[in-house]
Amino acid sequence: MNPFKLSTLAVAGLLPFHLQAQKAPNVVVILLDDMGYGDLSVTGAHGYKTPNIDRLCVDGMRFTHYYSPQAVSSASRAGLLTGCYPNRIGFSGALGPGSKVGIAQSEETIAEVLKKKNYACGAFGKWHLGDQPQFLPVHHGFDEYYGLPYSNDMWPFHPQNPKGYPPLPMIEGDRIVDPEITAGKQTQLTTQYTERAVRFIEKNKSKPFFLYLAHSMPHVPLFVSDKFKGKSEQGLYGDVMMEIDWSVGEVLKALEKNGLDRNTLVIFTSDNGPWINYGNHAGSTGGLREAKGAVFEGGQRVPCIMRWPAKIPAGAVCNQLASSIDLLPTIARLCDAPLPALKIDGLDISALMLGDENARPRSYFLYYYHRNSLEAVRNDKFKLVLPHLGRTYAGFLPGNNGQPGQVNERHQENLALYDLRRDPGERYDVKSQYPEVMAELMKIVETARADLGDDLTGNEGPGRRPIGKSE
């Protein structure tokens, strides 16, 4: 075909399917904060609808056994962006304001991987990988950034921090552009992030781009704009989810308006499960056990939907094991970008995305928590919970209207084996019935301990790398 004619057809969006698919795909990752497995229409939400997110399912693939890298914010985001178990790169917990640590310069993010292929990279929303300038997105592969450096509850009105936090800042690039985000300004966060994301798409429509839209909501404290205030039948939480769904719709409209939708991979997921002791201001685990901060399924099994009309089959459901640590190597493969120089833990799951029903790229997943505690492991059917002290919400009434209920942070969990195929709620210990499964999973545990260590057994692990430290 004549090159001039090919270019003209490309601009008009009239290229044949096989030629459109040859272009480097755009990538959009939409990450929610504390959204639970049951918080979407397609997973059983009550009192509100999420039609734009549902549309992603209709047009793409929903993953049903998809895991956040860890059941807490900073660690989870570090895992998603670097393709590593967070403890491999020194991350644990949720970094607070003024932290002297953050993502190391030696680690490569998805943005840094894609910059090698001349992608434009933008991040909008919550960061939480360190708030010192050297840790911010514009120093880790992103061309632009606008958002909060950490969780929106890390401000002077946190109900559980008697010492108080400093004022919550808004950052653009690596500079504070608003030193104090008030309650009134929090109502505009979802809208502002969305508008920035849409402008980024418009500005970069003629070149490949990576958009990382990390909403501050539905993490508490919940805030919603007047557009959706009082619109749901589930109170403020439902209002917030409706506004997030609107945001997804605006991103999809921007892609369609600019003729980019067919060749853009959109990934929608959450950083961990819901913070259920916040009661009516918390999401739903969809019946899974425990929630945020625990290695049971309610803490780490999260929704994930992927849409790429040029490649991913429409209306598909994937029941194979996958995690957000798999996004970096998968995106690198699809965008023909080189992997990071340092070892990562993620696996290429592109075969799953593209509809290969026989693909089994991930045979197991490790559940870490605290600094470096290996607390559980699963294969395709079974999950082994190792003895540890962990968080439980059981036995406590949840709070209401922004005030939390109690939790037990040092509940003794004993060795137990769960058949996730029959018992996704992890209620029935079947280790006595499956000694061969116990042996198989313990081999995986010992291999992991030899590499990444395990605080529960006093092993530091030679494969771990130090977190970054501020200058």
Protein backbone atom coordinates (compact mmCIF):
# COMPACT_ATOMS: atom_id res chain seq x y z
CA MET A 1 0.00 0.00 0.00
CA ASN A 2 1.20 3.52 -0.82
CA PRO A 3 2.76 5.03 2.35
CA PHE A 4 0.94 8.37 1.86
CA LYS A 5 -2.39 6.59 1.47
CA LEU A 6 -1.61 4.41 4.52
CA SER A 7 -0.93 7.53 6.60
CA THR A 8 -4.13 9.19 5.41
CA LEU A 9 -6.22 6.16 6.29
CA ALA A 10 -4.58 5.96 9.70
CA VAL A 11 -5.52 9.55 10.49
CA ALA A 12 -9.08 8.88 9.35
CA GLY A 13 -9.30 5.75 11.52
CA LEU A 14 -10.10 3.65 8.42
CA LEU A 15 -7.18 1.25 8.40
CA PRO A 16 -8.05 -2.43 8.06
CA PHE A 17 -8.06 -4.35 11.33
CA HIS A 18 -4.73 -6.13 10.72
CA LEU A 19 -2.93 -2.88 9.91
CA GLN A 20 -4.39 -1.03 12.90
CA ALA A 21 -3.14 -3.78 15.18
CA GLN A 22 0.44 -3.23 13.98
CA LYS A 23 0.66 0.14 15.76
CA ALA A 24 2.20 0.24 19.22
CA PRO A 25 -0.73 0.07 21.66
CA ASN A 26 -1.55 2.81 24.14
CA VAL A 27 -1.85 1.63 27.74
CA VAL A 28 -4.24 2.98 30.37
CA VAL A 29 -4.13 1.66 33.95
CA ILE A 30 -6.99 2.81 36.20
CA LEU A 31 -6.27 1.95 39.83
CA LEU A 32 -8.81 2.42 42.61
CA ASP A 33 -8.00 2.67 46.31
CA ASP A 34 -9.61 0.15 48.69
CA MET A 35 -12.25 -1.05 46.22
CA GLY A 36 -13.50 -4.53 47.14
CA TYR A 37 -14.21 -7.61 45.08
CA GLY A 38 -17.97 -7.02 45.35
CA ASP A 39 -18.08 -3.31 44.51
CA LEU A 40 -19.09 -3.47 40.83
CA SER A 41 -22.44 -4.18 39.22
CA VAL A 42 -20.94 -7.28 37.63
CA THR A 43 -19.76 -8.58 41.02
CA GLY A 44 -22.97 -7.94 42.93
CA ALA A 45 -22.97 -4.31 44.10
CA HIS A 46 -26.26 -3.08 45.58
CA GLY A 47 -27.79 0.38 45.47
CA TYR A 48 -25.82 1.79 42.53
CA LYS A 49 -24.74 0.83 39.03
CA THR A 50 -21.34 0.94 37.33
CA PRO A 51 -22.36 0.89 33.64
CA ASN A 52 -19.08 2.16 32.20
CA ILE A 53 -17.04 -0.39 34.13
CA ASP A 54 -19.58 -3.04 33.12
CA ARG A 55 -18.98 -1.98 29.54
CA LEU A 56 -15.30 -2.82 29.96
CA CYS A 57 -16.43 -6.35 30.83
CA VAL A 58 -18.73 -6.54 27.81
CA ASP A 59 -15.95 -5.36 25.49
CA GLY A 60 -13.06 -7.13 27.21
CA MET A 61 -12.00 -9.71 29.77
CA ARG A 62 -12.75 -10.02 33.50
CA PHE A 63 -10.22 -11.80 35.70
CA THR A 64 -11.75 -13.64 38.66
CA HIS A 65 -8.57 -14.85 40.43
CA TYR A 66 -6.56 -11.64 40.28
CA TYR A 67 -4.43 -10.43 43.20
CA SER A 68 -3.00 -7.16 44.38
CA PRO A 69 0.72 -7.46 45.19
CA GLN A 70 0.02 -6.86 48.88
CA ALA A 71 -3.02 -5.92 51.00
CA VAL A 72 -1.86 -2.37 51.72
CA SER A 73 -1.34 0.75 49.65
CA SER A 74 2.34 1.67 49.20
CA ALA A 75 3.45 -1.93 48.94
CA SER A 76 0.72 -2.78 46.43
CA ARG A 77 1.51 0.20 44.20
CA ALA A 78 5.22 -0.54 44.31
CA GLY A 79 4.47 -4.07 43.13
CA LEU A 80 2.19 -2.96 40.31
CA LEU A 81 4.60 -0.39 38.91
CA THR A 82 7.79 -2.47 39.18
CA GLY A 83 6.59 -6.03 38.60
CA CYS A 84 8.11 -7.17 41.92
CA TYR A 85 6.79 -8.55 45.14
CA PRO A 86 6.98 -5.36 47.22
CA ASN A 87 9.25 -6.90 49.83
CA ARG A 88 11.83 -7.66 47.11
CA ILE A 89 12.35 -3.90 46.70
CA GLY A 90 12.07 -2.98 50.36
CA PHE A 91 8.44 -1.86 50.46
CA SER A 92 5.97 -2.65 53.21
CA GLY A 93 2.93 -0.95 54.68
CA ALA A 94 1.81 2.57 53.80
CA LEU A 95 4.38 5.36 53.80
CA GLY A 96 3.44 8.42 55.84
CA PRO A 97 4.02 12.13 55.16
CA GLY A 98 7.66 13.15 55.25
CA SER A 99 8.94 9.60 54.97
CA LYS A 100 12.66 9.39 54.31
CA VAL A 101 12.27 6.33 52.08
CA GLY A 102 10.64 5.62 48.73
CA ILE A 103 11.14 3.91 45.41
CA ALA A 104 14.83 3.41 44.65
CA GLN A 105 16.38 5.00 41.56
CA SER A 106 17.66 1.57 40.52
CA GLU A 107 14.13 0.15 40.18
CA GLU A 108 12.35 0.53 36.84
CA THR A 109 8.65 1.38 36.64
CA ILE A 110 6.28 0.58 33.79
CA ALA A 111 6.79 4.19 32.68
CA GLU A 112 10.57 3.83 32.57
CA VAL A 113 10.23 0.61 30.58
CA LEU A 114 7.93 2.29 28.06
CA LYS A 115 10.04 5.43 27.78
CA LYS A 116 12.59 3.22 26.01
CA LYS A 117 9.98 2.91 23.24
CA ASN A 118 9.29 6.67 23.20
CA TYR A 119 5.97 6.52 25.04
CA ALA A 120 4.49 9.64 26.60
CA CYS A 121 3.80 8.81 30.26
CA GLY A 122 1.41 10.59 32.60
CA ALA A 123 0.37 9.87 36.19
CA PHE A 124 -2.64 11.46 37.85
CA GLY A 125 -3.93 10.78 41.35
CA LYS A 126 -2.47 9.06 44.37
CA TRP A 127 1.23 8.12 44.25
CA HIS A 128 2.31 6.76 47.69
CA LEU A 129 5.80 5.58 46.75
CA GLY A 130 7.51 8.38 48.67
CA ASP A 131 6.73 12.09 48.92
CA GLN A 132 10.27 13.49 48.77
CA PRO A 133 10.98 15.03 45.32
CA GLN A 134 13.36 12.25 44.23
CA PHE A 135 10.63 9.62 44.74
CA LEU A 136 7.87 11.37 42.79
CA PRO A 137 6.60 10.12 39.40
CA VAL A 138 8.44 12.68 37.25
CA HIS A 139 11.71 11.17 38.49
CA HIS A 140 10.58 7.63 37.70
CA GLY A 141 9.63 7.74 34.04
CA PHE A 142 6.53 9.93 33.98
CA ASP A 143 6.54 13.13 31.93
CA GLU A 144 3.87 14.73 34.07
CA TYR A 145 2.14 14.21 37.39
CA TYR A 146 -0.73 15.80 39.29
CA GLY A 147 -2.08 14.33 42.50
CA LEU A 148 -1.73 13.55 46.18
CA PRO A 149 1.60 12.10 47.33
CA TYR A 150 -0.11 9.62 49.67
CA SER A 151 -3.54 8.57 51.00
CA ASN A 152 -6.24 11.22 51.36
CA ASP A 153 -6.76 10.31 55.03
CA MET A 154 -3.21 11.35 55.92
CA TRP A 155 -4.32 14.83 56.91
CA PRO A 156 -5.11 16.61 60.22
CA PHE A 157 -8.56 15.05 60.50
CA HIS A 158 -7.57 11.37 60.57
CA PRO A 159 -9.80 9.72 63.22
CA GLN A 160 -7.15 7.21 64.33
CA ASN A 161 -4.02 9.36 64.55
CA PRO A 162 -3.92 11.27 67.84
CA LYS A 163 -0.65 12.99 66.89
CA GLY A 164 -2.21 14.35 63.74
CA TYR A 165 -0.85 14.66 60.21
CA PRO A 166 0.36 17.83 58.49
CA PRO A 167 -1.87 19.55 55.89
CA LEU A 168 -2.51 17.42 52.81
CA PRO A 169 -0.69 18.84 49.76
CA MET A 170 -1.42 18.71 46.04
CA ILE A 171 1.62 18.16 43.85
CA GLU A 172 2.21 18.95 40.20
CA GLY A 173 5.44 17.64 38.75
CA ASP A 174 7.62 17.60 41.85
CA ARG A 175 6.36 20.82 43.42
CA ILE A 176 3.55 21.55 45.86
CA VAL A 177 0.95 23.64 44.04
CA ASP A 178 -1.61 23.66 46.86
CA PRO A 179 -0.27 23.25 50.40
CA GLU A 180 -3.63 22.40 51.96
CA ILE A 181 -6.32 20.25 50.41
CA THR A 182 -9.49 20.91 52.41
CA ALA A 183 -12.67 18.84 52.60
CA GLY A 184 -14.20 21.03 49.94
CA LYS A 185 -11.26 20.44 47.63
CA GLN A 186 -11.43 16.68 48.22
CA THR A 187 -14.90 16.69 46.64
CA GLN A 188 -13.19 17.68 43.36
CA LEU A 189 -10.38 15.10 43.35
CA THR A 190 -12.09 12.52 41.14
CA THR A 191 -13.14 15.23 38.68
CA GLN A 192 -9.71 16.88 38.58
CA TYR A 193 -7.84 13.63 38.04
CA THR A 194 -10.26 12.70 35.27
CA GLU A 195 -9.95 16.05 33.50
CA ARG A 196 -6.16 15.81 33.63
CA ALA A 197 -6.30 12.28 32.22
CA VAL A 198 -8.54 13.35 29.34
CA ARG A 199 -6.26 16.27 28.51
CA PHE A 200 -3.27 13.93 28.53
CA ILE A 201 -5.01 11.66 26.00
CA GLU A 202 -5.88 14.63 23.77
CA LYS A 203 -2.34 15.98 23.93
CA ASN A 204 -0.68 12.67 23.08
CA LYS A 205 -3.14 11.20 20.59
CA SER A 206 -0.56 11.14 17.80
CA LYS A 207 2.01 9.04 19.68
CA PRO A 208 1.88 5.98 21.95
CA PHE A 209 1.19 6.79 25.59
CA PHE A 210 0.92 5.27 29.04
CA LEU A 211 -1.71 6.78 31.33
CA TYR A 212 -1.71 5.84 35.03
CA LEU A 213 -4.92 7.13 36.65
CA ALA A 214 -4.79 6.28 40.35
CA HIS A 215 -7.93 7.54 42.06
CA SER A 216 -7.83 8.53 45.72
CA MET A 217 -11.32 7.08 46.19
CA PRO A 218 -13.08 5.03 47.48
CA HIS A 219 -10.51 5.19 50.32
CA VAL A 220 -11.87 6.99 53.39
CA PRO A 221 -12.53 9.83 53.96
CA LEU A 222 -15.13 9.70 51.21
CA PHE A 223 -15.87 12.81 49.18
CA VAL A 224 -17.96 13.26 46.06
CA SER A 225 -18.78 16.18 43.78
CA ASP A 226 -22.24 17.70 43.51
CA LYS A 227 -22.67 15.80 40.25
CA PHE A 228 -23.20 12.57 42.19
CA LYS A 229 -23.97 13.64 45.74
CA GLY A 230 -27.06 11.77 46.95
CA LYS A 231 -27.49 9.90 43.66
CA SER A 232 -27.11 6.32 44.91
CA GLU A 233 -29.24 4.15 47.16
CA GLN A 234 -26.16 3.16 49.18
CA GLY A 235 -25.28 6.55 50.61
CA LEU A 236 -21.93 8.24 50.19
CA TYR A 237 -20.01 5.09 49.23
CA GLY A 238 -22.40 4.41 46.37
CA ASP A 239 -22.20 8.05 45.27
CA VAL A 240 -18.40 7.81 45.16
CA MET A 241 -18.49 4.61 43.12
CA MET A 242 -20.92 6.20 40.66
CA GLU A 243 -18.52 9.12 40.19
CA ILE A 244 -15.59 6.77 39.64
CA ASP A 245 -17.68 4.94 37.04
CA TRP A 246 -18.34 8.33 35.38
CA SER A 247 -14.58 8.90 35.34
CA VAL A 248 -14.01 5.58 33.55
CA GLY A 249 -16.66 6.63 31.03
CA GLU A 250 -14.90 9.95 30.39
CA VAL A 251 -11.62 8.17 29.68
CA LEU A 252 -13.34 5.76 27.29
CA LYS A 253 -15.08 8.65 25.52
CA ALA A 254 -11.77 10.46 25.09
CA LEU A 255 -10.22 7.36 23.53
CA GLU A 256 -13.18 6.91 21.18
CA LYS A 257 -13.35 10.60 20.24
CA ASN A 258 -9.70 10.50 19.16
CA GLY A 259 -9.94 7.19 17.32
CA LEU A 260 -7.71 5.45 19.85
CA ASP A 261 -10.06 2.99 21.50
CA ARG A 262 -9.39 -0.03 19.30
CA ASN A 263 -5.66 0.04 19.92
CA THR A 264 -5.61 1.00 23.59
CA LEU A 265 -5.22 -1.55 26.37
CA VAL A 266 -7.31 -0.41 29.35
CA ILE A 267 -6.70 -2.14 32.69
CA PHE A 268 -9.03 -1.46 35.63
CA THR A 269 -8.25 -2.80 39.11
CA SER A 270 -7.79 -1.99 42.83
CA ASP A 271 -4.76 -1.71 45.11
CA ASN A 272 -6.24 -4.02 47.79
CA GLY A 273 -9.52 -5.08 49.35
CA PRO A 274 -11.93 -2.83 51.28
CA TRP A 275 -11.33 -1.34 54.73
CA ILE A 276 -14.44 -2.97 56.15
CA ASN A 277 -14.22 -1.69 59.72
CA TYR A 278 -15.39 1.63 58.27
CA GLY A 279 -18.84 0.12 57.84
CA ASN A 280 -21.10 2.11 55.54
CA HIS A 281 -18.07 4.03 54.22
CA ALA A 282 -16.37 0.80 53.15
CA GLY A 283 -16.75 -1.48 50.16
CA SER A 284 -17.68 -5.14 49.89
CA THR A 285 -15.47 -8.22 49.77
CA GLY A 286 -18.19 -10.06 47.89
CA GLY A 287 -18.23 -12.70 50.62
CA LEU A 288 -14.47 -13.32 50.72
CA ARG A 289 -12.79 -13.66 54.11
CA GLU A 290 -11.33 -10.66 55.97
CA ALA A 291 -10.33 -7.48 54.08
CA LYS A 292 -7.59 -4.88 53.66
CA GLY A 293 -4.48 -5.61 55.68
CA ALA A 294 -4.96 -9.39 55.73
CA VAL A 295 -3.66 -12.16 53.47
CA PHE A 296 -7.05 -13.85 53.30
CA GLU A 297 -8.90 -13.47 50.01
CA GLY A 298 -10.87 -10.37 51.01
CA GLY A 299 -7.61 -8.51 51.44
CA GLN A 300 -5.91 -9.30 48.15
CA ARG A 301 -8.31 -10.77 45.61
CA VAL A 302 -9.52 -7.74 43.67
CA PRO A 303 -11.50 -7.01 40.51
CA CYS A 304 -9.53 -6.70 37.29
CA ILE A 305 -10.91 -5.96 33.84
CA MET A 306 -8.88 -5.57 30.67
CA ARG A 307 -10.12 -4.21 27.35
CA TRP A 308 -8.26 -3.97 24.05
CA PRO A 309 -10.73 -4.35 21.18
CA ALA A 310 -8.01 -5.05 18.61
CA LYS A 311 -6.76 -8.05 20.60
CA ILE A 312 -8.70 -9.12 23.71
CA PRO A 313 -11.85 -11.17 23.01
CA ALA A 314 -15.06 -9.44 24.05
CA GLY A 315 -17.15 -10.73 26.94
CA ALA A 316 -14.43 -13.10 28.13
CA VAL A 317 -13.84 -14.36 31.66
CA CYS A 318 -10.42 -15.60 32.80
CA ASN A 319 -10.34 -17.86 35.84
CA GLN A 320 -6.57 -18.34 35.83
CA LEU A 321 -4.22 -16.97 38.45
CA ALA A 322 -2.85 -13.46 37.81
CA SER A 323 -1.60 -10.45 39.74
CA SER A 324 -0.75 -6.79 39.32
CA ILE A 325 2.93 -7.74 39.49
CA ASP A 326 2.32 -9.35 36.09
CA LEU A 327 1.38 -6.07 34.42
CA LEU A 328 4.91 -4.77 33.78
CA PRO A 329 6.25 -7.83 31.92
CA THR A 330 2.97 -8.22 30.05
CA ILE A 331 2.88 -4.59 28.94
CA ALA A 332 6.57 -4.77 28.01
CA ARG A 333 5.87 -7.79 25.81
CA LEU A 334 2.86 -6.20 24.12
CA CYS A 335 4.72 -2.94 23.52
CA ASP A 336 7.98 -4.64 22.46
CA ALA A 337 9.87 -2.97 25.31
CA PRO A 338 12.85 -4.46 27.20
CA LEU A 339 12.37 -5.80 30.71
CA PRO A 340 14.14 -4.14 33.67
CA ALA A 341 17.76 -5.07 34.26
CA LEU A 342 17.08 -6.23 37.84
CA LYS A 343 15.12 -9.37 38.68
CA ILE A 344 11.34 -9.08 38.79
CA ASP A 345 8.64 -11.49 39.95
CA GLY A 346 5.89 -10.73 37.47
CA LEU A 347 5.08 -13.05 34.57
CA ASP A 348 3.91 -12.34 31.05
CA ILE A 349 0.14 -13.06 31.04
CA SER A 350 -0.47 -11.79 27.51
CA ALA A 351 -1.54 -15.28 26.38
CA LEU A 352 -4.37 -15.17 28.93
CA MET A 353 -5.39 -11.70 27.81
CA LEU A 354 -5.45 -12.73 24.18
CA GLY A 355 -7.77 -15.66 24.86
CA ASP A 356 -5.52 -18.71 25.03
CA GLU A 357 -7.61 -20.99 27.26
CA ASN A 358 -4.72 -23.44 27.68
CA ALA A 359 -2.25 -20.88 28.98
CA ARG A 360 -1.08 -21.23 32.60
CA PRO A 361 1.66 -18.61 33.00
CA ARG A 362 1.36 -18.35 36.81
CA SER A 363 1.35 -21.58 38.80
CA TYR A 364 1.48 -20.00 42.27
CA PHE A 365 1.21 -16.72 44.14
CA LEU A 366 2.91 -15.63 47.39
CA TYR A 367 1.06 -13.56 50.00
CA TYR A 368 3.40 -11.34 52.02
CA TYR A 369 2.55 -8.81 54.70
CA HIS A 370 4.30 -6.68 57.33
CA ARG A 371 7.97 -6.05 56.57
CA ASN A 372 8.76 -9.39 54.99
CA SER A 373 6.45 -12.09 56.34
CA LEU A 374 5.42 -14.91 54.03
CA GLU A 375 1.96 -15.63 55.41
CA ALA A 376 0.31 -17.71 52.65
CA VAL A 377 0.78 -19.30 49.24
CA ARG A 378 -1.67 -20.63 46.66
CA ASN A 379 -1.60 -22.66 43.49
CA ASP A 380 -4.46 -22.99 41.02
CA LYS A 381 -6.86 -24.64 43.51
CA PHE A 382 -5.44 -24.65 47.03
CA LYS A 383 -4.20 -22.02 49.46
CA LEU A 384 -1.88 -22.75 52.38
CA VAL A 385 -2.04 -20.23 55.23
CA LEU A 386 1.13 -20.29 57.33
CA PRO A 387 1.12 -19.62 61.09
CA HIS A 388 1.30 -15.86 61.73
CA LEU A 389 -0.12 -12.99 63.72
CA GLY A 390 -2.44 -11.04 61.46
CA ARG A 391 -5.32 -8.64 61.25
CA THR A 392 -8.87 -9.84 61.80
CA TYR A 393 -12.11 -7.89 61.63
CA ALA A 394 -14.11 -10.81 63.05
CA GLY A 395 -15.94 -10.22 66.31
CA PHE A 396 -16.05 -6.43 66.07
CA LEU A 397 -18.88 -4.16 64.99
CA PRO A 398 -17.90 -1.93 62.05
CA GLY A 399 -17.97 1.82 62.41
CA ASN A 400 -20.22 4.23 60.57
CA ASN A 401 -20.16 7.58 58.77
CA GLY A 402 -16.39 7.87 58.59
CA GLN A 403 -15.55 6.52 62.05
CA PRO A 404 -13.84 3.10 62.16
CA GLY A 405 -14.70 0.08 64.24
CA GLN A 406 -12.10 -1.96 66.07
CA VAL A 407 -9.83 -4.65 64.62
CA ASN A 408 -7.39 -7.12 66.17
CA GLU A 409 -3.95 -6.64 64.61
CA ARG A 410 -2.35 -9.62 66.38
CA HIS A 411 -4.75 -12.49 65.87
CA GLN A 412 -3.07 -15.87 65.81
CA GLU A 413 -3.64 -17.67 62.52
CA ASN A 414 -2.72 -21.35 62.50
CA LEU A 415 -1.48 -23.58 59.69
CA ALA A 416 -4.45 -24.30 57.44
CA LEU A 417 -5.19 -25.47 53.90
CA TYR A 418 -8.19 -24.21 51.97
CA ASP A 419 -9.70 -25.56 48.75
CA LEU A 420 -10.46 -22.28 46.97
CA ARG A 421 -12.48 -24.02 44.29
CA ARG A 422 -15.06 -25.22 46.82
CA ASP A 423 -14.38 -22.79 49.65
CA PRO A 424 -13.44 -19.29 48.46
CA GLY A 425 -14.49 -17.97 51.88
CA GLU A 426 -11.62 -19.96 53.50
CA ARG A 427 -13.72 -21.54 56.23
CA TYR A 428 -12.81 -25.23 56.12
CA ASP A 429 -9.30 -26.44 56.86
CA VAL A 430 -8.62 -29.55 54.74
CA LYS A 431 -4.91 -30.11 55.34
CA SER A 432 -5.50 -33.59 56.77
CA GLN A 433 -7.20 -34.64 53.53
CA TYR A 434 -4.48 -33.44 51.14
CA PRO A 435 -0.98 -34.24 52.46
CA GLU A 436 0.41 -34.27 48.93
CA VAL A 437 -0.87 -30.72 48.34
CA MET A 438 0.66 -29.61 51.63
CA ALA A 439 4.02 -31.02 50.54
CA GLU A 440 3.81 -29.34 47.14
CA LEU A 441 2.98 -25.93 48.58
CA MET A 442 5.66 -26.21 51.27
CA LYS A 443 8.26 -26.74 48.52
CA ILE A 444 7.17 -23.43 47.01
CA VAL A 445 7.41 -21.81 50.44
CA GLU A 446 10.95 -23.06 50.99
CA THR A 447 12.05 -21.87 47.55
CA ALA A 448 10.58 -18.44 48.23
CA ARG A 449 12.26 -18.24 51.63
CA ALA A 450 15.61 -19.08 50.06
CA ASP A 451 15.25 -16.06 47.73
CA LEU A 452 13.16 -13.41 49.50
CA GLY A 453 13.54 -14.58 53.07
CA ASP A 454 10.79 -14.59 55.69
CA ASP A 455 10.61 -12.67 58.94
CA LEU A 456 8.53 -15.47 60.41
CA THR A 457 11.53 -17.80 60.18
CA GLY A 458 14.24 -15.21 60.76
CA ASN A 459 15.57 -15.29 57.18
CA GLU A 460 16.49 -11.96 55.56
CA GLY A 461 16.67 -13.37 52.04
CA PRO A 462 19.54 -12.71 49.60
CA GLY A 463 17.19 -11.64 46.79
CA ARG A 464 15.85 -8.54 48.52
CA ARG A 465 16.98 -5.06 47.49
CA PRO A 466 17.03 -1.91 49.64
CA ILE A 467 14.31 0.70 49.42
CA GLY A 468 15.39 4.14 48.26
CA LYS A 469 16.50 6.68 50.84
CA SER A 470 16.16 10.43 50.60
CA GLU A 471 19.27 12.47 49.95
